[in-house]
Amino acid sequence: MSDNKTMQHIMETSKKVHEQMESIQKDIDQTLFSASSGTEDVVVSLNGKHELVDVKFSKNSLTFDPHALSKMVIEAHEAATNQIHVATRERIISLADKLSSQDD
């Protein structure tokens, strides 16, 4: 392959990857991720931008002291954040696998 064709191929591939990465990010941003505390008394929902969308408390959660309730909110938030990271990583790996199979 000539240098010009190689450079053209690299530029086209780069543009495709960029577009696909933007699509992945847009999809993640629009996805709602919900997770609960270990006891399921607190459920936190985040969008893919890590913005807090909702917090739900069970009736039972009202019996906990404020410190315990705070810890449950943090636990649920961390779990939802982890879901975002896992989903993002899985989609990027899938894209990388797809791109590497195209090169074969």
PDB file of N, CA and C in Angstrom:
ATOM      1  N   MET A   1       0.847  -1.169   0.000  1.00  0.00           N
ATOM      2  CA  MET A   1       0.000   0.000   0.000  1.00  0.00           C
ATOM      3  C   MET A   1       0.897   1.237   0.000  1.00  0.00           C
ATOM      4  N   SER A   2       0.559   2.210  -0.808  1.00  0.00           N
ATOM      5  CA  SER A   2       1.374   3.427  -0.876  1.00  0.00           C
ATOM      6  C   SER A   2       1.182   4.240   0.400  1.00  0.00           C
ATOM      7  N   ASP A   3       2.116   5.155   0.628  1.00  0.00           N
ATOM      8  CA  ASP A   3       2.034   5.997   1.828  1.00  0.00           C
ATOM      9  C   ASP A   3       0.752   6.821   1.849  1.00  0.00           C
ATOM     10  N   ASN A   4       0.338   7.336   0.692  1.00  0.00           N
ATOM     11  CA  ASN A   4      -0.897   8.128   0.636  1.00  0.00           C
ATOM     12  C   ASN A   4      -2.121   7.284   0.962  1.00  0.00           C
ATOM     13  N   LYS A   5      -2.165   6.059   0.409  1.00  0.00           N
ATOM     14  CA  LYS A   5      -3.303   5.181   0.699  1.00  0.00           C
ATOM     15  C   LYS A   5      -3.299   4.746   2.155  1.00  0.00           C
ATOM     16  N   THR A   6      -2.118   4.505   2.694  1.00  0.00           N
ATOM     17  CA  THR A   6      -1.999   4.135   4.107  1.00  0.00           C
ATOM     18  C   THR A   6      -2.494   5.273   4.983  1.00  0.00           C
ATOM     19  N   MET A   7      -2.070   6.477   4.682  1.00  0.00           N
ATOM     20  CA  MET A   7      -2.495   7.640   5.468  1.00  0.00           C
ATOM     21  C   MET A   7      -4.000   7.853   5.328  1.00  0.00           C
ATOM     22  N   GLN A   8      -4.525   7.675   4.142  1.00  0.00           N
ATOM     23  CA  GLN A   8      -5.956   7.824   3.914  1.00  0.00           C
ATOM     24  C   GLN A   8      -6.729   6.776   4.725  1.00  0.00           C
ATOM     25  N   HIS A   9      -6.224   5.540   4.713  1.00  0.00           N
ATOM     26  CA  HIS A   9      -6.858   4.464   5.480  1.00  0.00           C
ATOM     27  C   HIS A   9      -6.834   4.796   6.980  1.00  0.00           C
ATOM     28  N   ILE A  10      -5.719   5.294   7.458  1.00  0.00           N
ATOM     29  CA  ILE A  10      -5.598   5.654   8.877  1.00  0.00           C
ATOM     30  C   ILE A  10      -6.592   6.762   9.224  1.00  0.00           C
ATOM     31  N   MET A  11      -6.700   7.759   8.376  1.00  0.00           N
ATOM     32  CA  MET A  11      -7.610   8.877   8.619  1.00  0.00           C
ATOM     33  C   MET A  11      -9.071   8.403   8.612  1.00  0.00           C
ATOM     34  N   GLU A  12      -9.425   7.540   7.664  1.00  0.00           N
ATOM     35  CA  GLU A  12     -10.795   7.023   7.594  1.00  0.00           C
ATOM     36  C   GLU A  12     -11.120   6.174   8.821  1.00  0.00           C
ATOM     37  N   THR A  13     -10.185   5.333   9.203  1.00  0.00           N
ATOM     38  CA  THR A  13     -10.384   4.491  10.382  1.00  0.00           C
ATOM     39  C   THR A  13     -10.505   5.346  11.634  1.00  0.00           C
ATOM     40  N   SER A  14      -9.660   6.353  11.740  1.00  0.00           N
ATOM     41  CA  SER A  14      -9.703   7.252  12.890  1.00  0.00           C
ATOM     42  C   SER A  14     -11.046   7.965  12.978  1.00  0.00           C
ATOM     43  N   LYS A  15     -11.558   8.410  11.852  1.00  0.00           N
ATOM     44  CA  LYS A  15     -12.848   9.092  11.823  1.00  0.00           C
ATOM     45  C   LYS A  15     -13.968   8.137  12.260  1.00  0.00           C
ATOM     46  N   LYS A  16     -13.929   6.890  11.774  1.00  0.00           N
ATOM     47  CA  LYS A  16     -14.938   5.900  12.155  1.00  0.00           C
ATOM     48  C   LYS A  16     -14.890   5.617  13.659  1.00  0.00           C
ATOM     49  N   VAL A  17     -13.683   5.463  14.177  1.00  0.00           N
ATOM     50  CA  VAL A  17     -13.526   5.179  15.610  1.00  0.00           C
ATOM     51  C   VAL A  17     -14.075   6.353  16.426  1.00  0.00           C
ATOM     52  N   HIS A  18     -13.730   7.559  16.010  1.00  0.00           N
ATOM     53  CA  HIS A  18     -14.211   8.750  16.708  1.00  0.00           C
ATOM     54  C   HIS A  18     -15.743   8.801  16.710  1.00  0.00           C
ATOM     55  N   GLU A  19     -16.352   8.557  15.572  1.00  0.00           N
ATOM     56  CA  GLU A  19     -17.819   8.564  15.473  1.00  0.00           C
ATOM     57  C   GLU A  19     -18.438   7.476  16.343  1.00  0.00           C
ATOM     58  N   GLN A  20     -17.830   6.293  16.340  1.00  0.00           N
ATOM     59  CA  GLN A  20     -18.364   5.195  17.144  1.00  0.00           C
ATOM     60  C   GLN A  20     -18.195   5.476  18.643  1.00  0.00           C
ATOM     61  N   MET A  21     -17.082   6.093  19.013  1.00  0.00           N
ATOM     62  CA  MET A  21     -16.865   6.450  20.417  1.00  0.00           C
ATOM     63  C   MET A  21     -17.886   7.501  20.862  1.00  0.00           C
ATOM     64  N   GLU A  22     -18.170   8.462  19.998  1.00  0.00           N
ATOM     65  CA  GLU A  22     -19.196   9.461  20.322  1.00  0.00           C
ATOM     66  C   GLU A  22     -20.567   8.807  20.484  1.00  0.00           C
ATOM     67  N   SER A  23     -20.861   7.839  19.635  1.00  0.00           N
ATOM     68  CA  SER A  23     -22.130   7.118  19.714  1.00  0.00           C
ATOM     69  C   SER A  23     -22.228   6.330  21.022  1.00  0.00           C
ATOM     70  N   ILE A  24     -21.139   5.672  21.391  1.00  0.00           N
ATOM     71  CA  ILE A  24     -21.096   4.924  22.653  1.00  0.00           C
ATOM     72  C   ILE A  24     -21.330   5.871  23.815  1.00  0.00           C
ATOM     73  N   GLN A  25     -20.637   7.018  23.808  1.00  0.00           N
ATOM     74  CA  GLN A  25     -20.777   7.967  24.912  1.00  0.00           C
ATOM     75  C   GLN A  25     -22.195   8.521  24.989  1.00  0.00           C
ATOM     76  N   LYS A  26     -22.786   8.828  23.852  1.00  0.00           N
ATOM     77  CA  LYS A  26     -24.158   9.342  23.836  1.00  0.00           C
ATOM     78  C   LYS A  26     -25.120   8.292  24.393  1.00  0.00           C
ATOM     79  N   ASP A  27     -24.933   7.047  24.000  1.00  0.00           N
ATOM     80  CA  ASP A  27     -25.783   5.964  24.488  1.00  0.00           C
ATOM     81  C   ASP A  27     -25.636   5.803  26.000  1.00  0.00           C
ATOM     82  N   ILE A  28     -24.403   5.798  26.481  1.00  0.00           N
ATOM     83  CA  ILE A  28     -24.150   5.680  27.925  1.00  0.00           C
ATOM     84  C   ILE A  28     -24.784   6.861  28.664  1.00  0.00           C
ATOM     85  N   ASP A  29     -24.584   8.074  28.145  1.00  0.00           N
ATOM     86  CA  ASP A  29     -25.118   9.272  28.794  1.00  0.00           C
ATOM     87  C   ASP A  29     -26.630   9.214  28.956  1.00  0.00           C
ATOM     88  N   GLN A  30     -27.308   8.581  28.022  1.00  0.00           N
ATOM     89  CA  GLN A  30     -28.767   8.522  28.040  1.00  0.00           C
ATOM     90  C   GLN A  30     -29.316   7.304  28.787  1.00  0.00           C
ATOM     91  N   THR A  31     -28.431   6.457  29.268  1.00  0.00           N
ATOM     92  CA  THR A  31     -28.854   5.253  29.988  1.00  0.00           C
ATOM     93  C   THR A  31     -29.003   5.566  31.471  1.00  0.00           C
ATOM     94  N   LEU A  32     -29.998   4.978  32.093  1.00  0.00           N
ATOM     95  CA  LEU A  32     -30.213   5.130  33.521  1.00  0.00           C
ATOM     96  C   LEU A  32     -29.630   3.913  34.241  1.00  0.00           C
ATOM     97  N   PHE A  33     -28.807   4.165  35.220  1.00  0.00           N
ATOM     98  CA  PHE A  33     -28.165   3.113  36.007  1.00  0.00           C
ATOM     99  C   PHE A  33     -28.680   3.205  37.437  1.00  0.00           C
ATOM    100  N   SER A  34     -29.277   2.123  37.917  1.00  0.00           N
ATOM    101  CA  SER A  34     -29.830   2.101  39.271  1.00  0.00           C
ATOM    102  C   SER A  34     -29.166   1.004  40.076  1.00  0.00           C
ATOM    103  N   ALA A  35     -28.892   1.331  41.316  1.00  0.00           N
ATOM    104  CA  ALA A  35     -28.289   0.349  42.214  1.00  0.00           C
ATOM    105  C   ALA A  35     -28.800   0.610  43.620  1.00  0.00           C
ATOM    106  N   SER A  36     -28.738  -0.422  44.428  1.00  0.00           N
ATOM    107  CA  SER A  36     -29.246  -0.298  45.791  1.00  0.00           C
ATOM    108  C   SER A  36     -28.144  -0.522  46.802  1.00  0.00           C
ATOM    109  N   SER A  37     -28.466  -0.122  48.017  1.00  0.00           N
ATOM    110  CA  SER A  37     -27.578  -0.455  49.122  1.00  0.00           C
ATOM    111  C   SER A  37     -27.696  -1.959  49.340  1.00  0.00           C
ATOM    112  N   GLY A  38     -26.824  -2.519  50.096  1.00  0.00           N
ATOM    113  CA  GLY A  38     -26.851  -3.963  50.317  1.00  0.00           C
ATOM    114  C   GLY A  38     -28.185  -4.460  50.843  1.00  0.00           C
ATOM    115  N   THR A  39     -28.879  -3.631  51.588  1.00  0.00           N
ATOM    116  CA  THR A  39     -30.167  -4.029  52.164  1.00  0.00           C
ATOM    117  C   THR A  39     -31.342  -3.694  51.258  1.00  0.00           C
ATOM    118  N   GLU A  40     -31.089  -3.006  50.159  1.00  0.00           N
ATOM    119  CA  GLU A  40     -32.122  -2.591  49.194  1.00  0.00           C
ATOM    120  C   GLU A  40     -33.085  -1.561  49.786  1.00  0.00           C
ATOM    121  N   ASP A  41     -32.697  -0.945  50.896  1.00  0.00           N
ATOM    122  CA  ASP A  41     -33.541   0.089  51.489  1.00  0.00           C
ATOM    123  C   ASP A  41     -33.353   1.435  50.812  1.00  0.00           C
ATOM    124  N   VAL A  42     -32.265   1.571  50.069  1.00  0.00           N
ATOM    125  CA  VAL A  42     -31.979   2.798  49.327  1.00  0.00           C
ATOM    126  C   VAL A  42     -31.639   2.413  47.895  1.00  0.00           C
ATOM    127  N   VAL A  43     -32.287   3.056  46.934  1.00  0.00           N
ATOM    128  CA  VAL A  43     -31.989   2.834  45.517  1.00  0.00           C
ATOM    129  C   VAL A  43     -31.640   4.181  44.905  1.00  0.00           C
ATOM    130  N   VAL A  44     -30.482   4.235  44.278  1.00  0.00           N
ATOM    131  CA  VAL A  44     -29.989   5.461  43.647  1.00  0.00           C
ATOM    132  C   VAL A  44     -29.962   5.254  42.142  1.00  0.00           C
ATOM    133  N   SER A  45     -30.395   6.261  41.401  1.00  0.00           N
ATOM    134  CA  SER A  45     -30.353   6.209  39.938  1.00  0.00           C
ATOM    135  C   SER A  45     -29.499   7.358  39.421  1.00  0.00           C
ATOM    136  N   LEU A  46     -28.564   6.998  38.542  1.00  0.00           N
ATOM    137  CA  LEU A  46     -27.686   7.977  37.894  1.00  0.00           C
ATOM    138  C   LEU A  46     -27.840   7.843  36.396  1.00  0.00           C
ATOM    139  N   ASN A  47     -27.655   8.940  35.679  1.00  0.00           N
ATOM    140  CA  ASN A  47     -27.546   8.804  34.230  1.00  0.00           C
ATOM    141  C   ASN A  47     -26.080   8.546  33.911  1.00  0.00           C
ATOM    142  N   GLY A  48     -25.785   8.290  32.664  1.00  0.00           N
ATOM    143  CA  GLY A  48     -24.420   7.957  32.269  1.00  0.00           C
ATOM    144  C   GLY A  48     -23.418   9.077  32.450  1.00  0.00           C
ATOM    145  N   LYS A  49     -23.909  10.284  32.717  1.00  0.00           N
ATOM    146  CA  LYS A  49     -23.025  11.419  32.994  1.00  0.00           C
ATOM    147  C   LYS A  49     -22.694  11.510  34.483  1.00  0.00           C
ATOM    148  N   HIS A  50     -23.114  10.493  35.223  1.00  0.00           N
ATOM    149  CA  HIS A  50     -22.916  10.414  36.674  1.00  0.00           C
ATOM    150  C   HIS A  50     -23.758  11.432  37.429  1.00  0.00           C
ATOM    151  N   GLU A  51     -24.817  11.934  36.793  1.00  0.00           N
ATOM    152  CA  GLU A  51     -25.698  12.876  37.466  1.00  0.00           C
ATOM    153  C   GLU A  51     -26.761  12.107  38.240  1.00  0.00           C
ATOM    154  N   LEU A  52     -26.982  12.510  39.472  1.00  0.00           N
ATOM    155  CA  LEU A  52     -27.990  11.877  40.315  1.00  0.00           C
ATOM    156  C   LEU A  52     -29.370  12.233  39.773  1.00  0.00           C
ATOM    157  N   VAL A  53     -30.152  11.204  39.443  1.00  0.00           N
ATOM    158  CA  VAL A  53     -31.475  11.403  38.854  1.00  0.00           C
ATOM    159  C   VAL A  53     -32.572  11.140  39.889  1.00  0.00           C
ATOM    160  N   ASP A  54     -32.348  10.145  40.757  1.00  0.00           N
ATOM    161  CA  ASP A  54     -33.387   9.778  41.712  1.00  0.00           C
ATOM    162  C   ASP A  54     -32.786   9.028  42.890  1.00  0.00           C
ATOM    163  N   VAL A  55     -33.410   9.189  44.032  1.00  0.00           N
ATOM    164  CA  VAL A  55     -33.077   8.404  45.223  1.00  0.00           C
ATOM    165  C   VAL A  55     -34.401   7.938  45.807  1.00  0.00           C
ATOM    166  N   LYS A  56     -34.509   6.641  46.021  1.00  0.00           N
ATOM    167  CA  LYS A  56     -35.730   6.082  46.604  1.00  0.00           C
ATOM    168  C   LYS A  56     -35.374   5.416  47.929  1.00  0.00           C
ATOM    169  N   PHE A  57     -36.246   5.628  48.887  1.00  0.00           N
ATOM    170  CA  PHE A  57     -36.069   5.047  50.210  1.00  0.00           C
ATOM    171  C   PHE A  57     -37.245   4.122  50.499  1.00  0.00           C
ATOM    172  N   SER A  58     -36.954   2.965  51.061  1.00  0.00           N
ATOM    173  CA  SER A  58     -38.034   2.066  51.481  1.00  0.00           C
ATOM    174  C   SER A  58     -38.646   2.622  52.766  1.00  0.00           C
ATOM    175  N   LYS A  59     -39.822   2.150  53.093  1.00  0.00           N
ATOM    176  CA  LYS A  59     -40.440   2.565  54.361  1.00  0.00           C
ATOM    177  C   LYS A  59     -39.550   2.179  55.532  1.00  0.00           C
ATOM    178  N   ASN A  60     -38.919   1.027  55.404  1.00  0.00           N
ATOM    179  CA  ASN A  60     -38.033   0.537  56.453  1.00  0.00           C
ATOM    180  C   ASN A  60     -36.834   1.462  56.661  1.00  0.00           C
ATOM    181  N   SER A  61     -36.387   2.132  55.609  1.00  0.00           N
ATOM    182  CA  SER A  61     -35.201   2.986  55.717  1.00  0.00           C
ATOM    183  C   SER A  61     -35.413   4.150  56.680  1.00  0.00           C
ATOM    184  N   LEU A  62     -36.665   4.523  56.902  1.00  0.00           N
ATOM    185  CA  LEU A  62     -36.956   5.643  57.799  1.00  0.00           C
ATOM    186  C   LEU A  62     -36.676   5.302  59.262  1.00  0.00           C
ATOM    187  N   THR A  63     -36.450   4.031  59.536  1.00  0.00           N
ATOM    188  CA  THR A  63     -36.148   3.614  60.910  1.00  0.00           C
ATOM    189  C   THR A  63     -34.649   3.684  61.215  1.00  0.00           C
ATOM    190  N   PHE A  64     -33.824   3.888  60.198  1.00  0.00           N
ATOM    191  CA  PHE A  64     -32.372   3.940  60.403  1.00  0.00           C
ATOM    192  C   PHE A  64     -31.944   5.315  60.896  1.00  0.00           C
ATOM    193  N   ASP A  65     -30.856   5.324  61.641  1.00  0.00           N
ATOM    194  CA  ASP A  65     -30.322   6.612  62.071  1.00  0.00           C
ATOM    195  C   ASP A  65     -29.694   7.322  60.861  1.00  0.00           C
ATOM    196  N   PRO A  66     -29.571   8.640  60.907  1.00  0.00           N
ATOM    197  CA  PRO A  66     -29.074   9.393  59.748  1.00  0.00           C
ATOM    198  C   PRO A  66     -27.703   8.944  59.239  1.00  0.00           C
ATOM    199  N   HIS A  67     -26.814   8.559  60.140  1.00  0.00           N
ATOM    200  CA  HIS A  67     -25.480   8.114  59.721  1.00  0.00           C
ATOM    201  C   HIS A  67     -25.578   6.824  58.897  1.00  0.00           C
ATOM    202  N   ALA A  68     -26.367   5.869  59.351  1.00  0.00           N
ATOM    203  CA  ALA A  68     -26.535   4.607  58.622  1.00  0.00           C
ATOM    204  C   ALA A  68     -27.199   4.857  57.274  1.00  0.00           C
ATOM    205  N   LEU A  69     -28.185   5.729  57.255  1.00  0.00           N
ATOM    206  CA  LEU A  69     -28.875   6.058  56.006  1.00  0.00           C
ATOM    207  C   LEU A  69     -27.921   6.725  55.016  1.00  0.00           C
ATOM    208  N   SER A  70     -27.092   7.597  55.512  1.00  0.00           N
ATOM    209  CA  SER A  70     -26.089   8.255  54.671  1.00  0.00           C
ATOM    210  C   SER A  70     -25.133   7.236  54.059  1.00  0.00           C
ATOM    211  N   LYS A  71     -24.690   6.282  54.853  1.00  0.00           N
ATOM    212  CA  LYS A  71     -23.794   5.235  54.346  1.00  0.00           C
ATOM    213  C   LYS A  71     -24.472   4.408  53.260  1.00  0.00           C
ATOM    214  N   MET A  72     -25.778   4.150  53.415  1.00  0.00           N
ATOM    215  CA  MET A  72     -26.511   3.381  52.397  1.00  0.00           C
ATOM    216  C   MET A  72     -26.616   4.160  51.091  1.00  0.00           C
ATOM    217  N   VAL A  73     -26.831   5.455  51.179  1.00  0.00           N
ATOM    218  CA  VAL A  73     -26.892   6.284  49.969  1.00  0.00           C
ATOM    219  C   VAL A  73     -25.549   6.252  49.254  1.00  0.00           C
ATOM    220  N   ILE A  74     -24.479   6.397  50.001  1.00  0.00           N
ATOM    221  CA  ILE A  74     -23.129   6.362  49.414  1.00  0.00           C
ATOM    222  C   ILE A  74     -22.858   5.006  48.779  1.00  0.00           C
ATOM    223  N   GLU A  75     -23.219   3.932  49.461  1.00  0.00           N
ATOM    224  CA  GLU A  75     -23.023   2.573  48.935  1.00  0.00           C
ATOM    225  C   GLU A  75     -23.783   2.370  47.624  1.00  0.00           C
ATOM    226  N   ALA A  76     -25.030   2.810  47.595  1.00  0.00           N
ATOM    227  CA  ALA A  76     -25.833   2.662  46.383  1.00  0.00           C
ATOM    228  C   ALA A  76     -25.267   3.519  45.248  1.00  0.00           C
ATOM    229  N   HIS A  77     -24.812   4.720  45.572  1.00  0.00           N
ATOM    230  CA  HIS A  77     -24.218   5.617  44.564  1.00  0.00           C
ATOM    231  C   HIS A  77     -22.960   4.981  43.973  1.00  0.00           C
ATOM    232  N   GLU A  78     -22.113   4.433  44.830  1.00  0.00           N
ATOM    233  CA  GLU A  78     -20.892   3.774  44.351  1.00  0.00           C
ATOM    234  C   GLU A  78     -21.219   2.587  43.441  1.00  0.00           C
ATOM    235  N   ALA A  79     -22.250   1.840  43.793  1.00  0.00           N
ATOM    236  CA  ALA A  79     -22.642   0.687  42.969  1.00  0.00           C
ATOM    237  C   ALA A  79     -23.149   1.143  41.604  1.00  0.00           C
ATOM    238  N   ALA A  80     -23.933   2.213  41.568  1.00  0.00           N
ATOM    239  CA  ALA A  80     -24.431   2.733  40.286  1.00  0.00           C
ATOM    240  C   ALA A  80     -23.277   3.289  39.448  1.00  0.00           C
ATOM    241  N   THR A  81     -22.347   3.967  40.089  1.00  0.00           N
ATOM    242  CA  THR A  81     -21.167   4.484  39.386  1.00  0.00           C
ATOM    243  C   THR A  81     -20.363   3.336  38.783  1.00  0.00           C
ATOM    244  N   ASN A  82     -20.226   2.263  39.523  1.00  0.00           N
ATOM    245  CA  ASN A  82     -19.515   1.085  39.022  1.00  0.00           C
ATOM    246  C   ASN A  82     -20.222   0.503  37.805  1.00  0.00           C
ATOM    247  N   GLN A  83     -21.551   0.492  37.816  1.00  0.00           N
ATOM    248  CA  GLN A  83     -22.303   0.002  36.657  1.00  0.00           C
ATOM    249  C   GLN A  83     -21.984   0.830  35.411  1.00  0.00           C
ATOM    250  N   ILE A  84     -21.868   2.139  35.573  1.00  0.00           N
ATOM    251  CA  ILE A  84     -21.530   3.017  34.442  1.00  0.00           C
ATOM    252  C   ILE A  84     -20.148   2.661  33.907  1.00  0.00           C
ATOM    253  N   HIS A  85     -19.191   2.487  34.797  1.00  0.00           N
ATOM    254  CA  HIS A  85     -17.827   2.149  34.379  1.00  0.00           C
ATOM    255  C   HIS A  85     -17.781   0.810  33.649  1.00  0.00           C
ATOM    256  N   VAL A  86     -18.478  -0.179  34.174  1.00  0.00           N
ATOM    257  CA  VAL A  86     -18.500  -1.505  33.553  1.00  0.00           C
ATOM    258  C   VAL A  86     -19.138  -1.434  32.170  1.00  0.00           C
ATOM    259  N   ALA A  87     -20.275  -0.757  32.057  1.00  0.00           N
ATOM    260  CA  ALA A  87     -20.964  -0.649  30.764  1.00  0.00           C
ATOM    261  C   ALA A  87     -20.085   0.066  29.739  1.00  0.00           C
ATOM    262  N   THR A  88     -19.428   1.134  30.167  1.00  0.00           N
ATOM    263  CA  THR A  88     -18.543   1.872  29.261  1.00  0.00           C
ATOM    264  C   THR A  88     -17.381   0.994  28.813  1.00  0.00           C
ATOM    265  N   ARG A  89     -16.744   0.326  29.762  1.00  0.00           N
ATOM    266  CA  ARG A  89     -15.610  -0.547  29.446  1.00  0.00           C
ATOM    267  C   ARG A  89     -16.028  -1.667  28.490  1.00  0.00           C
ATOM    268  N   GLU A  90     -17.175  -2.287  28.743  1.00  0.00           N
ATOM    269  CA  GLU A  90     -17.645  -3.379  27.877  1.00  0.00           C
ATOM    270  C   GLU A  90     -17.885  -2.898  26.451  1.00  0.00           C
ATOM    271  N   ARG A  91     -18.457  -1.721  26.307  1.00  0.00           N
ATOM    272  CA  ARG A  91     -18.740  -1.202  24.962  1.00  0.00           C
ATOM    273  C   ARG A  91     -17.468  -0.804  24.229  1.00  0.00           C
ATOM    274  N   ILE A  92     -16.511  -0.282  24.951  1.00  0.00           N
ATOM    275  CA  ILE A  92     -15.232   0.072  24.312  1.00  0.00           C
ATOM    276  C   ILE A  92     -14.475  -1.190  23.910  1.00  0.00           C
ATOM    277  N   ILE A  93     -14.473  -2.180  24.763  1.00  0.00           N
ATOM    278  CA  ILE A  93     -13.816  -3.453  24.430  1.00  0.00           C
ATOM    279  C   ILE A  93     -14.482  -4.084  23.214  1.00  0.00           C
ATOM    280  N   SER A  94     -15.800  -4.042  23.166  1.00  0.00           N
ATOM    281  CA  SER A  94     -16.522  -4.584  22.020  1.00  0.00           C
ATOM    282  C   SER A  94     -16.133  -3.857  20.736  1.00  0.00           C
ATOM    283  N   LEU A  95     -16.020  -2.545  20.796  1.00  0.00           N
ATOM    284  CA  LEU A  95     -15.590  -1.764  19.636  1.00  0.00           C
ATOM    285  C   LEU A  95     -14.165  -2.142  19.244  1.00  0.00           C
ATOM    286  N   ALA A  96     -13.279  -2.276  20.203  1.00  0.00           N
ATOM    287  CA  ALA A  96     -11.882  -2.639  19.911  1.00  0.00           C
ATOM    288  C   ALA A  96     -11.812  -4.020  19.269  1.00  0.00           C
ATOM    289  N   ASP A  97     -12.599  -4.960  19.791  1.00  0.00           N
ATOM    290  CA  ASP A  97     -12.638  -6.307  19.201  1.00  0.00           C
ATOM    291  C   ASP A  97     -13.134  -6.263  17.764  1.00  0.00           C
ATOM    292  N   LYS A  98     -14.162  -5.470  17.531  1.00  0.00           N
ATOM    293  CA  LYS A  98     -14.726  -5.323  16.198  1.00  0.00           C
ATOM    294  C   LYS A  98     -13.695  -4.741  15.249  1.00  0.00           C
ATOM    295  N   LEU A  99     -12.973  -3.735  15.705  1.00  0.00           N
ATOM    296  CA  LEU A  99     -11.960  -3.095  14.855  1.00  0.00           C
ATOM    297  C   LEU A  99     -10.791  -4.037  14.572  1.00  0.00           C
ATOM    298  N   SER A 100     -10.386  -4.807  15.580  1.00  0.00           N
ATOM    299  CA  SER A 100      -9.256  -5.712  15.368  1.00  0.00           C
ATOM    300  C   SER A 100      -9.641  -6.859  14.433  1.00  0.00           C
ATOM    301  N   SER A 101     -10.901  -7.279  14.461  1.00  0.00           N
ATOM    302  CA  SER A 101     -11.328  -8.350  13.542  1.00  0.00           C
ATOM    303  C   SER A 101     -11.419  -7.837  12.109  1.00  0.00           C
ATOM    304  N   GLN A 102     -11.640  -6.537  11.938  1.00  0.00           N
ATOM    305  CA  GLN A 102     -11.686  -5.952  10.599  1.00  0.00           C
ATOM    306  C   GLN A 102     -10.291  -5.876   9.986  1.00  0.00           C
ATOM    307  N   ASP A 103      -9.283  -5.769  10.838  1.00  0.00           N
ATOM    308  CA  ASP A 103      -7.907  -5.683  10.353  1.00  0.00           C
ATOM    309  C   ASP A 103      -7.362  -7.033   9.886  1.00  0.00           C
ATOM    310  N   ASP A 104      -7.968  -8.115  10.367  1.00  0.00           N
ATOM    311  CA  ASP A 104      -7.473  -9.463  10.016  1.00  0.00           C
ATOM    312  C   ASP A 104      -7.758  -9.808   8.567  1.00  0.00           C
TER     313      ASP A 104
END
